[in-house]
Amino acid sequence: MLKISTEIKSASCFVGERRAIELIAKAGFDAWDFSMFAMMRYDWKNRVASFSDHPLGGPNAYKFARELKDIGESYGIVCNQSHAPHPTYCKEIADSYERCLELTAEAGGKICIIHPDNYKPAEANAEIFNRLLPVAKGCGVKIATENMWNWNEEKGCADSAACSNPKSFLDHLNTVNDEYLVACLDIGHAEMKGLDTSAVEMIDALGSHLQALHIHDNDKRGDRHAIPFSMNIDFNAVAKALKRNNYQGYLTLEAVNHLSSYNAENLFVGIQELAAAAKKLGEMIEA
């Protein structure tokens, strides 16, 4: 059966990264997704960012990443992938991506998800990824770019962005044309109204390029990041598409809103629910 993983951001908000990894392991996950968003403070109004006072933003970040790796391994799980800060159009954040790749390697991860710039075409985003490829190869960490979305206020639904449909995603991958740039499909993004695609269509189009996932549910309109099987996405069809295309990566959840109704005392219950959902999807793929 495919191995399961989940992001650590939502649990870390309650108990910190160290304890979050422990709970994720005890809930039955095989791996953890290294959320790096706390590294940067982003001012959405002025579109500038700076390093935060979080351990990831300071001089001991590499030591911190190694400590998280050791904690995970002490409980029998590994870091399978990471997620760099965004938005990529912010220069200060884009300048942190080499650091993110290095931190991923320190944590033991093999893939670092880096968003494309939502507003740029494949050729312009290729410049960003090509700049990072030497560092990625030196670290042994692949870059996975992700299908994005913008919001159309007039229509009240999602609007196209970099990698938001099969053609755009494949254009981004083929323009760089390097084995160290792969695809992370965000299942929820692919199902948002207005993007004129689906998770199944994206899986079939990406084929062997697809080496990472962000799995969550939604109402087919907003980016809800809910636990799988709680809203409207057809995960039976998703499972069949993953099996049809011989997907070999981790089943990584990004259901960041699921734990919002929990607290530090009952957090483990919510994490167990996430693990059960991920295992259910794995069983559907194997069936």
Protein backbone atom coordinates (compact mmCIF):
# COMPACT_ATOMS: atom_id res chain seq x y z
CA MET A 1 0.00 0.00 0.00
CA LEU A 2 1.12 3.56 -0.67
CA LYS A 3 2.58 5.32 2.34
CA ILE A 4 0.72 8.22 3.97
CA SER A 5 1.91 11.64 5.12
CA THR A 6 0.47 14.95 6.30
CA GLU A 7 1.58 18.54 6.65
CA ILE A 8 2.72 19.63 10.12
CA LYS A 9 1.64 23.28 10.00
CA SER A 10 -1.88 22.83 11.34
CA ALA A 11 -0.80 20.69 14.29
CA SER A 12 2.26 22.86 14.97
CA CYS A 13 0.02 25.86 15.59
CA PHE A 14 -1.14 24.10 18.77
CA VAL A 15 1.90 22.16 19.99
CA GLY A 16 4.93 23.16 17.92
CA GLU A 17 6.74 21.17 15.26
CA ARG A 18 8.50 18.73 17.58
CA ARG A 19 5.33 17.53 19.31
CA ALA A 20 3.37 17.63 16.03
CA ILE A 21 5.73 15.10 14.45
CA GLU A 22 5.41 12.84 17.49
CA LEU A 23 1.60 12.90 17.31
CA ILE A 24 1.58 12.34 13.56
CA ALA A 25 3.74 9.26 14.02
CA LYS A 26 1.59 7.89 16.84
CA ALA A 27 -1.55 8.39 14.73
CA GLY A 28 -0.19 5.99 12.11
CA PHE A 29 1.34 8.22 9.43
CA ASP A 30 4.47 7.02 7.66
CA ALA A 31 5.90 10.47 7.03
CA TRP A 32 5.56 14.19 7.66
CA ASP A 33 5.43 17.13 5.25
CA PHE A 34 7.81 19.88 6.39
CA SER A 35 5.77 23.12 6.34
CA MET A 36 8.20 26.08 6.15
CA PHE A 37 5.73 28.96 6.12
CA ALA A 38 6.81 30.14 9.59
CA MET A 39 10.21 31.03 8.14
CA MET A 40 8.94 34.31 6.67
CA ARG A 41 6.67 37.16 7.68
CA TYR A 42 4.70 38.43 4.69
CA ASP A 43 3.07 41.84 4.44
CA TRP A 44 0.21 41.26 1.98
CA LYS A 45 -0.51 44.99 1.64
CA ASN A 46 3.01 46.00 0.63
CA ARG A 47 4.01 42.63 -0.83
CA VAL A 48 7.28 42.39 1.05
CA ALA A 49 8.61 39.72 3.39
CA SER A 50 11.33 39.24 5.98
CA PHE A 51 12.68 36.36 8.01
CA SER A 52 10.73 35.71 11.20
CA ASP A 53 11.90 34.98 14.74
CA HIS A 54 10.83 31.33 14.28
CA PRO A 55 13.74 28.84 14.39
CA LEU A 56 13.42 28.38 10.61
CA GLY A 57 14.10 32.08 10.10
CA GLY A 58 17.23 32.27 12.23
CA PRO A 59 20.85 31.09 12.18
CA ASN A 60 19.99 27.75 13.80
CA ALA A 61 17.48 26.73 11.10
CA TYR A 62 19.62 23.88 9.79
CA LYS A 63 20.13 22.50 13.29
CA PHE A 64 16.37 22.74 13.84
CA ALA A 65 15.66 20.81 10.63
CA ARG A 66 18.08 18.06 11.68
CA GLU A 67 16.42 17.91 15.09
CA LEU A 68 13.01 17.41 13.47
CA LYS A 69 14.45 14.65 11.31
CA ASP A 70 15.84 12.90 14.39
CA ILE A 71 12.52 13.20 16.24
CA GLY A 72 10.64 11.69 13.32
CA GLU A 73 13.09 8.83 12.93
CA SER A 74 12.95 8.11 16.67
CA TYR A 75 9.21 7.44 16.17
CA GLY A 76 9.73 5.49 12.96
CA ILE A 77 8.67 8.09 10.38
CA VAL A 78 10.51 10.25 7.84
CA CYS A 79 10.14 13.61 6.15
CA ASN A 80 8.90 12.84 2.64
CA GLN A 81 8.55 16.37 1.31
CA SER A 82 8.48 20.02 2.27
CA HIS A 83 6.54 23.13 1.32
CA ALA A 84 8.37 26.41 0.77
CA PRO A 85 6.82 29.77 1.68
CA HIS A 86 4.80 31.68 -0.91
CA PRO A 87 3.79 33.79 -2.86
CA THR A 88 6.61 33.37 -5.32
CA TYR A 89 6.07 36.82 -6.84
CA CYS A 90 7.50 38.28 -3.63
CA LYS A 91 11.24 38.68 -4.24
CA GLU A 92 12.24 38.16 -0.62
CA ILE A 93 10.34 34.86 -0.51
CA ALA A 94 11.69 33.69 -3.87
CA ASP A 95 15.19 34.49 -2.60
CA SER A 96 14.62 32.05 0.29
CA TYR A 97 14.06 29.03 -1.95
CA GLU A 98 17.68 27.89 -2.02
CA ARG A 99 17.57 27.84 1.78
CA CYS A 100 14.33 25.84 1.62
CA LEU A 101 15.93 23.20 -0.56
CA GLU A 102 18.87 22.91 1.82
CA LEU A 103 16.58 22.66 4.85
CA THR A 104 14.56 19.96 3.11
CA ALA A 105 17.74 17.94 2.67
CA GLU A 106 18.69 18.46 6.32
CA ALA A 107 15.26 17.13 7.37
CA GLY A 108 15.65 14.11 5.08
CA GLY A 109 13.01 15.16 2.54
CA LYS A 110 13.32 14.25 -1.13
CA ILE A 111 10.91 16.80 -2.67
CA CYS A 112 10.37 20.51 -2.00
CA ILE A 113 7.11 22.01 -3.25
CA ILE A 114 7.71 25.49 -4.66
CA HIS A 115 4.78 27.40 -6.14
CA PRO A 116 5.12 28.96 -9.56
CA ASP A 117 4.40 32.66 -9.79
CA ASN A 118 0.62 32.65 -10.33
CA TYR A 119 0.78 35.46 -12.85
CA LYS A 120 3.69 34.34 -15.03
CA PRO A 121 3.73 32.03 -18.08
CA ALA A 122 5.83 28.90 -18.28
CA GLU A 123 8.85 30.64 -19.82
CA ALA A 124 9.11 33.19 -17.01
CA ASN A 125 8.60 30.62 -14.26
CA ALA A 126 11.22 28.43 -15.92
CA GLU A 127 13.79 31.12 -15.11
CA ILE A 128 12.98 30.73 -11.41
CA PHE A 129 13.26 26.94 -11.47
CA ASN A 130 16.37 26.86 -13.64
CA ARG A 131 18.12 29.13 -11.15
CA LEU A 132 17.29 26.68 -8.36
CA LEU A 133 18.15 23.44 -10.16
CA PRO A 134 21.90 23.42 -9.33
CA VAL A 135 21.10 23.76 -5.62
CA ALA A 136 18.37 21.12 -5.85
CA LYS A 137 20.72 18.64 -7.52
CA GLY A 138 23.47 19.39 -5.04
CA CYS A 139 21.05 18.61 -2.19
CA GLY A 140 19.46 15.60 -3.85
CA VAL A 141 16.05 17.26 -3.48
CA LYS A 142 13.61 17.50 -6.38
CA ILE A 143 11.53 20.64 -6.93
CA ALA A 144 7.81 20.00 -7.34
CA THR A 145 5.73 22.81 -8.71
CA GLU A 146 1.99 22.97 -8.05
CA ASN A 147 -1.26 23.81 -9.83
CA MET A 148 -2.42 27.24 -8.65
CA TRP A 149 -5.50 29.45 -8.88
CA ASN A 150 -6.50 33.10 -8.82
CA TRP A 151 -9.88 34.46 -7.78
CA ASN A 152 -12.41 36.14 -10.08
CA GLU A 153 -14.41 38.51 -7.87
CA GLU A 154 -16.92 39.28 -10.60
CA LYS A 155 -17.77 35.62 -11.23
CA GLY A 156 -17.30 34.53 -7.63
CA CYS A 157 -15.11 31.56 -8.53
CA ALA A 158 -11.54 30.56 -9.28
CA ASP A 159 -9.70 31.88 -12.30
CA SER A 160 -6.78 30.48 -14.25
CA ALA A 161 -3.22 30.75 -12.96
CA ALA A 162 0.14 29.06 -13.53
CA CYS A 163 -0.26 25.27 -13.84
CA SER A 164 -4.02 25.49 -13.19
CA ASN A 165 -4.91 23.25 -16.16
CA PRO A 166 -3.16 20.31 -17.86
CA LYS A 167 -1.72 22.36 -20.72
CA SER A 168 -0.24 25.03 -18.47
CA PHE A 169 1.16 22.45 -16.05
CA LEU A 170 2.80 20.43 -18.83
CA ASP A 171 4.12 23.61 -20.46
CA HIS A 172 5.86 24.49 -17.18
CA LEU A 173 7.40 21.03 -16.85
CA ASN A 174 8.42 20.68 -20.49
CA THR A 175 9.93 24.16 -20.72
CA VAL A 176 12.40 23.26 -17.97
CA ASN A 177 12.62 19.62 -19.07
CA ASP A 178 14.68 18.33 -16.19
CA GLU A 179 14.11 15.29 -13.97
CA TYR A 180 14.58 17.50 -10.91
CA LEU A 181 11.42 19.48 -11.70
CA VAL A 182 8.32 17.33 -11.10
CA ALA A 183 4.63 17.83 -10.41
CA CYS A 184 2.78 18.13 -7.12
CA LEU A 185 -0.93 17.93 -7.85
CA ASP A 186 -3.17 19.76 -5.42
CA ILE A 187 -6.36 17.71 -5.59
CA GLY A 188 -8.53 20.47 -4.12
CA HIS A 189 -7.23 23.18 -6.45
CA ALA A 190 -7.95 21.01 -9.48
CA GLU A 191 -11.60 20.68 -8.47
CA MET A 192 -12.39 24.39 -8.02
CA LYS A 193 -15.14 25.86 -10.17
CA GLY A 194 -13.82 28.15 -12.88
CA LEU A 195 -10.64 26.25 -13.70
CA ASP A 196 -12.34 23.94 -16.21
CA THR A 197 -10.43 20.82 -15.21
CA SER A 198 -10.56 18.06 -12.60
CA ALA A 199 -8.18 16.05 -10.45
CA VAL A 200 -8.70 13.01 -12.67
CA GLU A 201 -7.94 14.95 -15.85
CA MET A 202 -4.80 16.39 -14.27
CA ILE A 203 -3.59 12.98 -13.02
CA ASP A 204 -4.06 11.43 -16.45
CA ALA A 205 -2.28 14.34 -18.16
CA LEU A 206 0.69 14.49 -15.78
CA GLY A 207 1.41 10.76 -15.81
CA SER A 208 4.94 10.00 -14.60
CA HIS A 209 5.61 13.69 -13.91
CA LEU A 210 3.30 13.35 -10.90
CA GLN A 211 5.49 12.55 -7.90
CA ALA A 212 3.79 14.39 -5.02
CA LEU A 213 0.28 15.23 -3.86
CA HIS A 214 -1.62 17.72 -1.71
CA ILE A 215 -4.82 15.92 -0.79
CA HIS A 216 -7.87 17.65 0.67
CA ASP A 217 -11.58 18.07 0.00
CA ASN A 218 -13.78 21.03 -0.96
CA ASP A 219 -17.24 22.05 -2.12
CA LYS A 220 -16.04 22.31 -5.75
CA ARG A 221 -15.94 26.11 -5.41
CA GLY A 222 -13.65 27.39 -2.65
CA ASP A 223 -10.23 26.20 -1.52
CA ARG A 224 -11.54 24.63 1.71
CA HIS A 225 -8.63 22.31 2.62
CA ALA A 226 -11.06 19.97 4.39
CA ILE A 227 -10.44 16.36 5.35
CA PRO A 228 -11.00 13.92 2.45
CA PHE A 229 -14.47 12.35 2.23
CA SER A 230 -16.11 15.28 4.06
CA MET A 231 -17.25 17.38 1.07
CA ASN A 232 -17.84 16.99 -2.68
CA ILE A 233 -14.71 15.63 -4.40
CA ASP A 234 -15.13 12.14 -5.88
CA PHE A 235 -12.20 10.33 -4.29
CA ASN A 236 -13.26 7.04 -5.83
CA ALA A 237 -12.48 8.52 -9.24
CA VAL A 238 -9.25 10.04 -7.91
CA ALA A 239 -8.15 6.67 -6.52
CA LYS A 240 -8.83 4.95 -9.85
CA ALA A 241 -6.85 7.60 -11.73
CA LEU A 242 -3.86 7.29 -9.38
CA LYS A 243 -3.91 3.50 -9.77
CA ARG A 244 -4.35 3.74 -13.55
CA ASN A 245 -1.27 5.95 -13.79
CA ASN A 246 0.77 3.82 -11.36
CA TYR A 247 1.35 6.66 -8.91
CA GLN A 248 4.24 5.67 -6.61
CA GLY A 249 4.61 8.70 -4.33
CA TYR A 250 3.23 9.38 -0.87
CA LEU A 251 -0.41 10.17 -0.18
CA THR A 252 0.18 13.51 1.51
CA LEU A 253 -2.71 15.35 3.13
CA GLU A 254 -2.97 19.15 3.14
CA ALA A 255 -6.27 19.29 5.02
CA VAL A 256 -5.04 22.27 7.04
CA ASN A 257 -8.48 23.39 8.19
CA HIS A 258 -9.52 20.07 9.74
CA LEU A 259 -7.80 20.71 13.06
CA SER A 260 -9.23 24.23 13.50
CA SER A 261 -12.06 22.94 15.70
CA TYR A 262 -9.68 21.09 18.02
CA ASN A 263 -7.34 22.30 20.76
CA ALA A 264 -4.06 21.10 22.26
CA GLU A 265 -5.87 18.71 24.58
CA ASN A 266 -7.88 16.80 21.95
CA LEU A 267 -5.63 17.45 18.96
CA PHE A 268 -4.60 13.80 18.67
CA VAL A 269 -8.20 12.79 17.90
CA GLY A 270 -8.21 15.09 14.87
CA ILE A 271 -4.84 13.77 13.68
CA GLN A 272 -6.13 10.21 14.00
CA GLU A 273 -9.09 11.18 11.81
CA LEU A 274 -6.68 12.52 9.20
CA ALA A 275 -4.69 9.29 9.27
CA ALA A 276 -7.85 7.23 8.88
CA ALA A 277 -8.87 9.26 5.82
CA ALA A 278 -5.44 8.87 4.23
CA LYS A 279 -5.47 5.10 4.89
CA LYS A 280 -8.95 4.84 3.39
CA LEU A 281 -7.75 6.49 0.17
CA GLY A 282 -4.78 4.14 0.09
CA GLU A 283 -7.07 1.14 0.45
CA MET A 284 -9.26 2.44 -2.38
CA ILE A 285 -6.23 2.70 -4.65
CA GLU A 286 -5.14 -0.83 -3.79
CA ALA A 287 -8.64 -2.31 -4.26
